[in-house]
Amino acid sequence: MKAITIPQPGDADALVLDEVPDPQPAAGEVRVRVAAAGVNRADVMQRMGHYPPPPGAPEYPGLEVSGTVDAVGEGVEGWAVGDEVCALLSGGGYAELVCVPAGQLLPVPAGVSLEDAAALPEVVSTVWSNVFMTANLLPGQTLLVHGGSSGIGTMAIQLAREVGAHVAVTAGSAEKLEACRALGAEVLVNYREEGFVERVRAATGGAGADVVLDNMGAKYLARNVDVLAPNGRLVVIGLQGGRTAELDLGKLLAKRAAVIATSLRARPAAEKATIVAAVREHVWPLVEAGRVRPVVHGRYPLADAAAAHRELESSGHVGKILLTP
């Protein structure tokens, strides 16, 4: 099969299309013939040599795909050759074939195309596990999403809206903020022009955000703590703004607040299966009803993975970028 390899870490041109052996499904796995793969920031970090795949995962990048089951490993129940699926991966999605534990498969939701379904598994699993399973966002509370126009951001806005929460977002242009507003965001902050702490406090009567979903890390840590409401939860899922910063524990104590740092890729398969099962129960009905949808910015052939990475890194996109073998 063809797959994107990374012979040497580097810029986007480090991604090389090559012939590699076909993977074979182990017990408990299925093999998917890939229709599309989602492009994520984690793939960029892996390309640069900063985020190696966990032990036992394929060495190729790619954390989510859609496609058709073409082989079933021993002991797998509930899936058959020919099923149209999407899947949460630990790696290997930038390829024509990928093997995945059966517990990390989801059916393609009714009303979503086979290709577009690749935009769902990673972002939905990330948002549901962090915002709802971990931070317990409730109706009437306020969620602040940094990078509201990203794949994760566009999904977080929709899911928070559906549970009856209020949504504030940061983004870097009027066009991106308008896209967030169209999805249900109520407080729109252009981080290039204004401070999010002041805007969110003003919009919440001085209270602040009950949950903050943060992809920046160190750069935003102090301000994220400032913007938290009493009993607020800051969930850090990315380190685009660095990994080391001072934390004022006194402010956390005064607010009875929490800072939580999580990742999805390296979790044990059993934990991922639990998250995927929760997504299927709680999110898939919303997708199939047309209330929540994947937001796809653009598509590139697998051979043009470098161009897809350059577009992602330019931060001009709204929603997800897909690769199609």
Protein backbone atom coordinates (compact mmCIF):
# COMPACT_ATOMS: atom_id res chain seq x y z
CA MET A 1 0.00 0.00 0.00
CA LYS A 2 0.94 3.66 -0.19
CA ALA A 3 1.47 5.65 2.99
CA ILE A 4 3.00 8.91 4.11
CA THR A 5 6.33 8.31 5.83
CA ILE A 6 8.67 10.68 7.67
CA PRO A 7 12.25 9.60 6.87
CA GLN A 8 13.62 12.64 8.73
CA PRO A 9 11.71 15.09 10.93
CA GLY A 10 11.34 18.56 9.48
CA ASP A 11 9.06 20.95 7.64
CA ALA A 12 6.10 19.92 5.51
CA ASP A 13 8.34 18.53 2.79
CA ALA A 14 9.51 15.86 5.26
CA LEU A 15 6.29 13.99 4.41
CA VAL A 16 7.08 11.37 1.76
CA LEU A 17 4.62 9.12 -0.08
CA ASP A 18 6.09 5.62 -0.20
CA GLU A 19 5.23 1.97 -0.73
CA VAL A 20 5.01 0.10 2.57
CA PRO A 21 3.76 -3.36 3.62
CA ASP A 22 0.02 -3.85 4.02
CA PRO A 23 -0.95 -4.05 7.71
CA GLN A 24 -2.63 -7.24 8.92
CA PRO A 25 -5.35 -7.09 11.59
CA ALA A 26 -4.48 -8.72 14.89
CA ALA A 27 -7.05 -10.33 17.14
CA GLY A 28 -9.65 -7.75 18.10
CA GLU A 29 -8.81 -5.45 15.20
CA VAL A 30 -10.33 -4.63 11.85
CA ARG A 31 -8.59 -3.31 8.77
CA VAL A 32 -10.06 -0.25 7.06
CA ARG A 33 -9.54 0.75 3.45
CA VAL A 34 -9.18 4.48 3.90
CA ALA A 35 -11.50 6.90 2.10
CA ALA A 36 -10.22 9.99 3.92
CA ALA A 37 -7.98 10.93 6.84
CA GLY A 38 -8.22 13.96 9.09
CA VAL A 39 -5.23 16.29 9.44
CA ASN A 40 -4.48 17.35 13.01
CA ARG A 41 -1.95 19.49 14.89
CA ALA A 42 -0.62 16.30 16.47
CA ASP A 43 0.41 15.14 12.98
CA VAL A 44 2.43 18.34 12.54
CA MET A 45 4.14 17.77 15.88
CA GLN A 46 4.97 14.19 14.88
CA ARG A 47 6.36 15.39 11.54
CA MET A 48 8.63 17.81 13.40
CA GLY A 49 9.89 15.07 15.70
CA HIS A 50 8.10 16.29 18.85
CA TYR A 51 5.30 13.72 19.21
CA PRO A 52 6.33 10.14 18.46
CA PRO A 53 3.58 7.52 18.18
CA PRO A 54 2.92 5.49 21.32
CA PRO A 55 4.43 1.99 21.55
CA GLY A 56 2.79 -0.46 19.15
CA ALA A 57 1.13 2.24 17.02
CA PRO A 58 1.85 2.56 13.30
CA GLU A 59 4.75 4.90 12.57
CA TYR A 60 2.82 6.85 9.95
CA PRO A 61 0.88 9.97 11.00
CA GLY A 62 -2.91 10.20 11.06
CA LEU A 63 -5.24 9.96 14.07
CA GLU A 64 -8.62 9.56 12.39
CA VAL A 65 -9.97 8.05 9.18
CA SER A 66 -13.12 7.01 7.41
CA GLY A 67 -13.44 4.12 5.02
CA THR A 68 -14.69 0.59 4.47
CA VAL A 69 -13.87 -2.50 6.53
CA ASP A 70 -11.92 -4.88 4.28
CA ALA A 71 -10.68 -7.47 6.82
CA VAL A 72 -11.75 -8.56 10.31
CA GLY A 73 -9.40 -10.00 12.92
CA GLU A 74 -10.08 -12.95 15.19
CA GLY A 75 -12.67 -12.36 17.90
CA VAL A 76 -14.23 -9.24 16.42
CA GLU A 77 -17.99 -9.05 16.72
CA GLY A 78 -20.40 -6.46 15.36
CA TRP A 79 -18.35 -5.46 12.33
CA ALA A 80 -18.14 -7.08 8.89
CA VAL A 81 -16.32 -6.62 5.62
CA GLY A 82 -18.02 -3.87 3.65
CA ASP A 83 -19.17 -1.80 6.65
CA GLU A 84 -18.67 1.94 6.22
CA VAL A 85 -16.93 3.25 9.31
CA CYS A 86 -14.84 6.00 10.81
CA ALA A 87 -12.19 5.37 13.43
CA LEU A 88 -10.11 6.93 16.19
CA LEU A 89 -6.46 5.91 15.75
CA SER A 90 -3.15 6.03 17.58
CA GLY A 91 -1.47 6.56 14.22
CA GLY A 92 -1.31 5.26 10.67
CA GLY A 93 -4.20 7.15 9.07
CA TYR A 94 -2.14 8.72 6.26
CA ALA A 95 -2.30 5.49 4.28
CA GLU A 96 -4.47 3.38 2.01
CA LEU A 97 -5.05 0.78 4.74
CA VAL A 98 -4.99 0.95 8.52
CA CYS A 99 -5.74 -1.50 11.34
CA VAL A 100 -7.70 -0.33 14.36
CA PRO A 101 -9.05 -1.95 17.54
CA ALA A 102 -12.72 -2.71 17.04
CA GLY A 103 -13.63 -0.63 20.09
CA GLN A 104 -12.39 2.51 18.33
CA LEU A 105 -14.72 2.14 15.34
CA LEU A 106 -17.89 4.10 14.72
CA PRO A 107 -20.45 3.68 11.95
CA VAL A 108 -20.61 6.51 9.43
CA PRO A 109 -23.55 8.58 10.69
CA ALA A 110 -26.64 8.80 8.50
CA GLY A 111 -26.58 12.00 6.49
CA VAL A 112 -22.77 12.31 6.49
CA SER A 113 -20.71 11.34 3.44
CA LEU A 114 -18.06 8.64 3.75
CA GLU A 115 -15.26 11.18 3.22
CA ASP A 116 -16.65 13.82 5.57
CA ALA A 117 -16.96 11.24 8.34
CA ALA A 118 -13.15 11.36 8.64
CA ALA A 119 -13.56 14.82 10.17
CA LEU A 120 -15.40 13.43 13.20
CA PRO A 121 -13.62 10.79 15.33
CA GLU A 122 -10.67 12.73 16.76
CA VAL A 123 -12.42 16.04 17.31
CA VAL A 124 -15.63 14.56 18.71
CA SER A 125 -13.74 12.20 21.02
CA THR A 126 -11.48 15.05 22.18
CA VAL A 127 -14.35 17.43 22.86
CA TRP A 128 -16.70 14.91 24.46
CA SER A 129 -14.05 13.37 26.71
CA ASN A 130 -12.62 16.70 27.86
CA VAL A 131 -15.51 19.16 27.95
CA PHE A 132 -18.23 16.77 29.12
CA MET A 133 -16.76 13.59 30.62
CA THR A 134 -13.89 15.37 32.42
CA ALA A 135 -14.93 19.01 32.92
CA ASN A 136 -18.68 18.23 33.22
CA LEU A 137 -19.99 21.26 31.33
CA LEU A 138 -23.64 21.74 32.33
CA PRO A 139 -26.62 23.56 30.80
CA GLY A 140 -26.49 27.27 31.50
CA GLN A 141 -22.74 27.28 32.15
CA THR A 142 -20.21 29.13 29.99
CA LEU A 143 -17.53 27.42 27.90
CA LEU A 144 -14.56 29.41 26.57
CA VAL A 145 -12.93 27.79 23.54
CA HIS A 146 -9.56 29.01 22.33
CA GLY A 147 -9.12 28.52 18.60
CA GLY A 148 -12.86 28.47 18.02
CA SER A 149 -12.52 28.09 14.25
CA SER A 150 -10.34 24.98 14.44
CA GLY A 151 -11.66 21.47 13.96
CA ILE A 152 -11.91 20.97 17.70
CA GLY A 153 -13.30 24.47 18.20
CA THR A 154 -16.07 24.15 15.65
CA MET A 155 -17.17 20.88 17.23
CA ALA A 156 -16.94 22.21 20.79
CA ILE A 157 -19.19 25.16 19.89
CA GLN A 158 -21.86 22.88 18.44
CA LEU A 159 -21.88 20.33 21.27
CA ALA A 160 -21.90 22.98 24.00
CA ARG A 161 -24.78 24.74 22.24
CA GLU A 162 -26.71 21.48 22.07
CA VAL A 163 -26.49 20.88 25.83
CA GLY A 164 -27.71 24.42 26.52
CA ALA A 165 -24.40 26.01 27.52
CA HIS A 166 -23.19 29.46 26.49
CA VAL A 167 -20.08 29.63 24.31
CA ALA A 168 -17.29 32.20 24.10
CA VAL A 169 -14.49 31.81 21.57
CA THR A 170 -11.19 33.37 20.59
CA ALA A 171 -10.03 33.55 16.98
CA GLY A 172 -7.73 35.74 14.92
CA SER A 173 -9.98 37.30 12.28
CA ALA A 174 -13.46 38.66 11.73
CA GLU A 175 -14.14 35.93 9.19
CA LYS A 176 -13.26 33.17 11.65
CA LEU A 177 -15.35 34.76 14.37
CA GLU A 178 -18.32 34.99 12.02
CA ALA A 179 -17.98 31.27 11.28
CA CYS A 180 -18.02 30.63 15.04
CA ARG A 181 -21.09 32.82 15.49
CA ALA A 182 -22.91 30.88 12.77
CA LEU A 183 -22.26 27.66 14.72
CA GLY A 184 -23.64 29.07 17.96
CA ALA A 185 -20.87 31.04 19.71
CA GLU A 186 -22.23 34.06 21.57
CA VAL A 187 -19.10 35.88 22.76
CA LEU A 188 -16.60 36.51 19.96
CA VAL A 189 -13.10 37.68 20.88
CA ASN A 190 -10.46 38.65 18.31
CA TYR A 191 -7.35 37.83 20.31
CA ARG A 192 -5.26 40.13 18.09
CA GLU A 193 -7.29 43.16 19.16
CA GLU A 194 -8.74 42.60 22.64
CA GLY A 195 -8.36 40.67 25.86
CA PHE A 196 -10.51 37.60 26.37
CA VAL A 197 -10.52 37.88 30.17
CA GLU A 198 -12.26 41.24 30.12
CA ARG A 199 -14.72 40.28 27.38
CA VAL A 200 -15.77 37.01 28.99
CA ARG A 201 -16.17 38.56 32.42
CA ALA A 202 -18.27 41.37 30.96
CA ALA A 203 -20.49 38.87 29.16
CA THR A 204 -21.04 36.77 32.30
CA GLY A 205 -21.78 39.53 34.80
CA GLY A 206 -18.26 39.31 36.16
CA ALA A 207 -18.40 35.58 36.88
CA GLY A 208 -16.12 34.26 34.13
CA ALA A 209 -16.03 30.93 32.28
CA ASP A 210 -17.04 27.69 33.98
CA VAL A 211 -14.93 25.63 31.57
CA VAL A 212 -11.99 26.71 29.41
CA LEU A 213 -10.81 24.45 26.58
CA ASP A 214 -7.25 25.54 25.86
CA ASN A 215 -4.84 24.61 23.07
CA MET A 216 -2.16 27.19 23.94
CA GLY A 217 -0.69 26.02 27.24
CA ALA A 218 1.91 28.25 28.87
CA LYS A 219 1.16 31.45 26.96
CA TYR A 220 -2.43 31.58 28.18
CA LEU A 221 -2.10 29.90 31.59
CA ALA A 222 -2.25 33.00 33.81
CA ARG A 223 -5.09 34.59 31.83
CA ASN A 224 -7.00 31.32 31.72
CA VAL A 225 -6.87 31.12 35.51
CA ASP A 226 -7.99 34.76 35.70
CA VAL A 227 -11.01 34.11 33.47
CA LEU A 228 -12.21 31.06 35.41
CA ALA A 229 -15.43 31.38 37.38
CA PRO A 230 -15.68 29.99 40.92
CA ASN A 231 -15.41 26.18 40.70
CA GLY A 232 -14.15 26.60 37.13
CA ARG A 233 -12.25 23.95 35.20
CA LEU A 234 -9.35 24.73 32.84
CA VAL A 235 -8.66 21.83 30.46
CA VAL A 236 -5.36 22.05 28.60
CA ILE A 237 -5.23 19.91 25.46
CA GLY A 238 -2.41 21.60 23.51
CA LEU A 239 0.89 23.40 23.96
CA GLN A 240 1.02 25.69 20.95
CA GLY A 241 2.04 28.54 23.28
CA GLY A 242 4.69 26.62 25.21
CA ARG A 243 4.82 24.12 28.04
CA THR A 244 6.29 25.98 31.04
CA ALA A 245 4.67 28.86 32.95
CA GLU A 246 4.08 30.01 36.52
CA LEU A 247 0.80 29.00 38.13
CA ASP A 248 -0.73 31.14 40.88
CA LEU A 249 -2.08 28.50 43.24
CA GLY A 250 -3.59 31.19 45.43
CA LYS A 251 -6.00 32.17 42.67
CA LEU A 252 -6.95 28.54 42.15
CA LEU A 253 -7.60 28.11 45.87
CA ALA A 254 -9.68 31.27 46.03
CA LYS A 255 -11.83 30.10 43.13
CA ARG A 256 -11.86 26.41 44.15
CA ALA A 257 -10.84 25.85 40.54
CA ALA A 258 -8.98 23.08 38.75
CA VAL A 259 -6.36 22.85 36.01
CA ILE A 260 -6.53 19.58 34.07
CA ALA A 261 -4.09 18.51 31.34
CA THR A 262 -5.11 15.63 29.09
CA SER A 263 -4.18 13.88 25.88
CA LEU A 264 -6.07 11.28 23.87
CA ARG A 265 -3.55 9.53 21.64
CA ALA A 266 -1.59 7.61 24.27
CA ARG A 267 -4.56 6.48 26.37
CA PRO A 268 -5.01 2.72 26.73
CA ALA A 269 -7.31 1.09 24.19
CA ALA A 270 -9.90 0.36 26.89
CA GLU A 271 -10.16 4.07 27.76
CA LYS A 272 -10.48 5.01 24.10
CA ALA A 273 -13.20 2.41 23.66
CA THR A 274 -15.11 3.92 26.60
CA ILE A 275 -14.87 7.38 25.03
CA VAL A 276 -15.91 6.11 21.61
CA ALA A 277 -18.90 4.30 23.12
CA ALA A 278 -19.96 7.53 24.87
CA VAL A 279 -19.61 9.45 21.61
CA ARG A 280 -21.78 6.92 19.82
CA GLU A 281 -24.45 7.17 22.53
CA HIS A 282 -24.52 10.92 23.05
CA VAL A 283 -23.15 12.61 19.90
CA TRP A 284 -24.09 10.35 16.99
CA PRO A 285 -27.85 10.99 17.43
CA LEU A 286 -27.16 14.74 17.18
CA VAL A 287 -25.13 14.24 14.01
CA GLU A 288 -27.75 12.00 12.43
CA ALA A 289 -30.46 14.55 13.29
CA GLY A 290 -28.44 17.23 11.48
CA ARG A 291 -27.99 19.30 14.64
CA VAL A 292 -24.22 18.77 14.74
CA ARG A 293 -22.11 18.47 11.60
CA PRO A 294 -18.50 18.07 10.57
CA VAL A 295 -17.03 21.31 9.28
CA VAL A 296 -14.66 20.55 6.38
CA HIS A 297 -12.44 23.34 5.10
CA GLY A 298 -10.64 21.53 2.29
CA ARG A 299 -9.41 18.24 0.84
CA TYR A 300 -6.05 17.18 -0.56
CA PRO A 301 -4.88 13.99 -2.24
CA LEU A 302 -2.67 11.86 0.00
CA ALA A 303 0.27 12.65 -2.26
CA ASP A 304 -0.20 16.35 -1.39
CA ALA A 305 0.01 15.84 2.38
CA ALA A 306 2.72 18.50 2.54
CA ALA A 307 0.33 21.09 1.08
CA ALA A 308 -2.33 20.07 3.61
CA HIS A 309 0.14 20.56 6.45
CA ARG A 310 1.17 23.96 5.13
CA GLU A 311 -2.46 25.05 5.05
CA LEU A 312 -3.03 23.82 8.60
CA GLU A 313 0.07 25.64 9.83
CA SER A 314 -0.98 28.86 8.09
CA SER A 315 -4.06 28.88 10.39
CA GLY A 316 -6.27 30.21 7.62
CA HIS A 317 -8.72 27.32 7.77
CA VAL A 318 -12.10 26.95 9.45
CA GLY A 319 -12.84 23.38 10.51
CA LYS A 320 -11.04 20.29 9.29
CA ILE A 321 -8.62 19.52 6.46
CA LEU A 322 -8.85 16.03 4.94
CA LEU A 323 -6.52 13.78 2.92
CA THR A 324 -7.95 11.37 0.36
CA PRO A 325 -5.88 8.38 -0.77
